[in-house]
């Protein structure tokens, strides 16, 4: 099976899931999270503020990645069945660290004169 448009086949080291690169991101799930953050004005403002608070902190990337994961997992409605299983699987494949790094880089760019 060939990859989707924008994907290249690769295995992420240390990850038991066979992920594929997607538009420069670890995988499609990671890209989608960042795309939705960037596409929604309220989300963008919220995460910009959170990134600004973590910028320059030694544990900033870790803290922001943990918050990203927590907030997105809390938004999944409680339930059971295939939809919840698939949503949980997709969220488990997101590279939260990569999204956090991107948000922190954008926060740093905003601070530059």
C-alpha atoms as a PDB file:
ATOM      1  CA  UNK A   1       0.000   0.000   0.000  1.00  0.00           C
ATOM      2  CA  UNK A   2       1.414   3.389  -0.919  1.00  0.00           C
ATOM      3  CA  UNK A   3       1.394   6.372   1.465  1.00  0.00           C
ATOM      4  CA  UNK A   4      -1.234   9.100   1.197  1.00  0.00           C
ATOM      5  CA  UNK A   5      -0.400  12.382  -0.483  1.00  0.00           C
ATOM      6  CA  UNK A   6       2.110  14.249   1.707  1.00  0.00           C
ATOM      7  CA  UNK A   7       3.275  11.082   3.490  1.00  0.00           C
ATOM      8  CA  UNK A   8       6.512   9.184   3.236  1.00  0.00           C
ATOM      9  CA  UNK A   9       6.955   5.749   4.770  1.00  0.00           C
ATOM     10  CA  UNK A  10       9.219   5.609   7.795  1.00  0.00           C
ATOM     11  CA  UNK A  11       9.306   3.997  11.204  1.00  0.00           C
ATOM     12  CA  UNK A  12       9.689   6.160  14.303  1.00  0.00           C
ATOM     13  CA  UNK A  13      12.507   4.778  16.438  1.00  0.00           C
ATOM     14  CA  UNK A  14      11.355   3.593  19.825  1.00  0.00           C
ATOM     15  CA  UNK A  15       7.697   3.636  18.871  1.00  0.00           C
ATOM     16  CA  UNK A  16       5.846   0.374  18.448  1.00  0.00           C
ATOM     17  CA  UNK A  17       3.419   2.036  16.060  1.00  0.00           C
ATOM     18  CA  UNK A  18       4.543   2.253  12.442  1.00  0.00           C
ATOM     19  CA  UNK A  19       4.168   5.995  11.862  1.00  0.00           C
ATOM     20  CA  UNK A  20       4.611   7.868   8.612  1.00  0.00           C
ATOM     21  CA  UNK A  21       5.900  11.383   8.017  1.00  0.00           C
ATOM     22  CA  UNK A  22       3.219  13.807   6.947  1.00  0.00           C
ATOM     23  CA  UNK A  23       3.858  17.297   5.582  1.00  0.00           C
ATOM     24  CA  UNK A  24       7.057  17.549   7.619  1.00  0.00           C
ATOM     25  CA  UNK A  25       5.443  16.345  10.861  1.00  0.00           C
ATOM     26  CA  UNK A  26       5.936  13.030  12.666  1.00  0.00           C
ATOM     27  CA  UNK A  27       2.595  11.744  11.351  1.00  0.00           C
ATOM     28  CA  UNK A  28      -0.810  12.872  10.158  1.00  0.00           C
ATOM     29  CA  UNK A  29      -2.297  12.974  13.673  1.00  0.00           C
ATOM     30  CA  UNK A  30       0.416  15.385  14.831  1.00  0.00           C
ATOM     31  CA  UNK A  31      -0.071  17.557  11.757  1.00  0.00           C
ATOM     32  CA  UNK A  32      -3.836  17.620  12.294  1.00  0.00           C
ATOM     33  CA  UNK A  33      -3.530  18.781  15.908  1.00  0.00           C
ATOM     34  CA  UNK A  34      -1.295  21.677  14.883  1.00  0.00           C
ATOM     35  CA  UNK A  35      -3.498  22.457  11.887  1.00  0.00           C
ATOM     36  CA  UNK A  36      -6.590  22.726  14.100  1.00  0.00           C
ATOM     37  CA  UNK A  37      -4.742  24.904  16.611  1.00  0.00           C
ATOM     38  CA  UNK A  38      -3.634  27.235  13.818  1.00  0.00           C
ATOM     39  CA  UNK A  39      -7.064  27.260  12.159  1.00  0.00           C
ATOM     40  CA  UNK A  40      -9.132  28.294  15.166  1.00  0.00           C
ATOM     41  CA  UNK A  41      -8.664  31.820  16.489  1.00  0.00           C
ATOM     42  CA  UNK A  42      -9.616  30.899  20.066  1.00  0.00           C
ATOM     43  CA  UNK A  43      -7.364  27.837  20.101  1.00  0.00           C
ATOM     44  CA  UNK A  44      -4.525  29.804  18.602  1.00  0.00           C
ATOM     45  CA  UNK A  45      -4.813  32.540  21.254  1.00  0.00           C
ATOM     46  CA  UNK A  46      -5.056  30.024  24.091  1.00  0.00           C
ATOM     47  CA  UNK A  47      -2.012  28.021  23.009  1.00  0.00           C
ATOM     48  CA  UNK A  48      -0.037  31.175  22.180  1.00  0.00           C
ATOM     49  CA  UNK A  49      -0.566  32.344  25.765  1.00  0.00           C
ATOM     50  CA  UNK A  50       0.348  28.937  27.204  1.00  0.00           C
ATOM     51  CA  UNK A  51       3.490  28.810  25.043  1.00  0.00           C
ATOM     52  CA  UNK A  52       4.486  32.325  26.116  1.00  0.00           C
ATOM     53  CA  UNK A  53       4.210  31.287  29.769  1.00  0.00           C
ATOM     54  CA  UNK A  54       6.491  28.280  29.160  1.00  0.00           C
ATOM     55  CA  UNK A  55       8.990  30.017  26.855  1.00  0.00           C
ATOM     56  CA  UNK A  56      12.490  30.126  28.269  1.00  0.00           C
ATOM     57  CA  UNK A  57      11.766  27.631  31.042  1.00  0.00           C
ATOM     58  CA  UNK A  58      14.012  24.606  31.263  1.00  0.00           C
ATOM     59  CA  UNK A  59      10.969  22.334  31.478  1.00  0.00           C
ATOM     60  CA  UNK A  60       8.821  24.452  29.154  1.00  0.00           C
ATOM     61  CA  UNK A  61       8.585  21.963  26.303  1.00  0.00           C
ATOM     62  CA  UNK A  62       7.738  19.137  28.673  1.00  0.00           C
ATOM     63  CA  UNK A  63       5.099  21.205  30.485  1.00  0.00           C
ATOM     64  CA  UNK A  64       3.480  22.433  27.281  1.00  0.00           C
ATOM     65  CA  UNK A  65       3.484  18.962  25.704  1.00  0.00           C
ATOM     66  CA  UNK A  66       1.846  17.502  28.817  1.00  0.00           C
ATOM     67  CA  UNK A  67      -0.782  20.248  28.822  1.00  0.00           C
ATOM     68  CA  UNK A  68      -1.494  19.777  25.108  1.00  0.00           C
ATOM     69  CA  UNK A  69      -2.032  16.069  25.600  1.00  0.00           C
ATOM     70  CA  UNK A  70      -4.137  16.508  28.721  1.00  0.00           C
ATOM     71  CA  UNK A  71      -6.432  19.151  27.226  1.00  0.00           C
ATOM     72  CA  UNK A  72      -6.999  17.204  24.020  1.00  0.00           C
ATOM     73  CA  UNK A  73      -7.628  13.916  25.823  1.00  0.00           C
ATOM     74  CA  UNK A  74     -10.119  15.602  28.170  1.00  0.00           C
ATOM     75  CA  UNK A  75     -12.110  16.813  25.159  1.00  0.00           C
ATOM     76  CA  UNK A  76     -12.914  13.279  24.046  1.00  0.00           C
ATOM     77  CA  UNK A  77     -16.466  12.471  25.131  1.00  0.00           C
ATOM     78  CA  UNK A  78     -16.757   9.542  27.510  1.00  0.00           C
ATOM     79  CA  UNK A  79     -18.108   6.434  25.951  1.00  0.00           C
ATOM     80  CA  UNK A  80     -17.099   3.180  24.436  1.00  0.00           C
ATOM     81  CA  UNK A  81     -16.970   1.556  21.087  1.00  0.00           C
ATOM     82  CA  UNK A  82     -14.991   1.833  17.945  1.00  0.00           C
ATOM     83  CA  UNK A  83     -15.115   5.644  17.713  1.00  0.00           C
ATOM     84  CA  UNK A  84     -13.642   6.098  21.191  1.00  0.00           C
ATOM     85  CA  UNK A  85     -11.040   3.416  20.521  1.00  0.00           C
ATOM     86  CA  UNK A  86     -10.008   5.043  17.254  1.00  0.00           C
ATOM     87  CA  UNK A  87      -9.924   8.522  18.812  1.00  0.00           C
ATOM     88  CA  UNK A  88      -7.782   7.225  21.684  1.00  0.00           C
ATOM     89  CA  UNK A  89      -5.466   5.516  19.212  1.00  0.00           C
ATOM     90  CA  UNK A  90      -5.092   8.666  17.118  1.00  0.00           C
ATOM     91  CA  UNK A  91      -4.353  10.817  20.174  1.00  0.00           C
ATOM     92  CA  UNK A  92      -1.794   8.265  21.364  1.00  0.00           C
ATOM     93  CA  UNK A  93       0.113   8.655  18.084  1.00  0.00           C
ATOM     94  CA  UNK A  94       0.366  12.464  18.301  1.00  0.00           C
ATOM     95  CA  UNK A  95       3.878  13.727  18.934  1.00  0.00           C
ATOM     96  CA  UNK A  96       2.900  16.266  21.618  1.00  0.00           C
ATOM     97  CA  UNK A  97       6.553  17.252  22.093  1.00  0.00           C
ATOM     98  CA  UNK A  98       6.793  18.269  18.438  1.00  0.00           C
ATOM     99  CA  UNK A  99       3.626  20.384  18.656  1.00  0.00           C
ATOM    100  CA  UNK A 100       4.912  22.017  21.860  1.00  0.00           C
ATOM    101  CA  UNK A 101       8.264  22.820  20.241  1.00  0.00           C
ATOM    102  CA  UNK A 102       6.494  24.413  17.299  1.00  0.00           C
ATOM    103  CA  UNK A 103       4.319  26.563  19.560  1.00  0.00           C
ATOM    104  CA  UNK A 104       7.357  27.622  21.608  1.00  0.00           C
ATOM    105  CA  UNK A 105       9.265  28.557  18.446  1.00  0.00           C
ATOM    106  CA  UNK A 106       6.319  30.693  17.328  1.00  0.00           C
ATOM    107  CA  UNK A 107       6.188  32.345  20.765  1.00  0.00           C
ATOM    108  CA  UNK A 108       9.906  33.129  20.509  1.00  0.00           C
ATOM    109  CA  UNK A 109       9.387  34.648  17.051  1.00  0.00           C
ATOM    110  CA  UNK A 110       6.704  36.963  18.441  1.00  0.00           C
ATOM    111  CA  UNK A 111       9.113  38.278  21.089  1.00  0.00           C
ATOM    112  CA  UNK A 112      11.874  39.150  18.592  1.00  0.00           C
ATOM    113  CA  UNK A 113      12.055  42.861  17.716  1.00  0.00           C
END
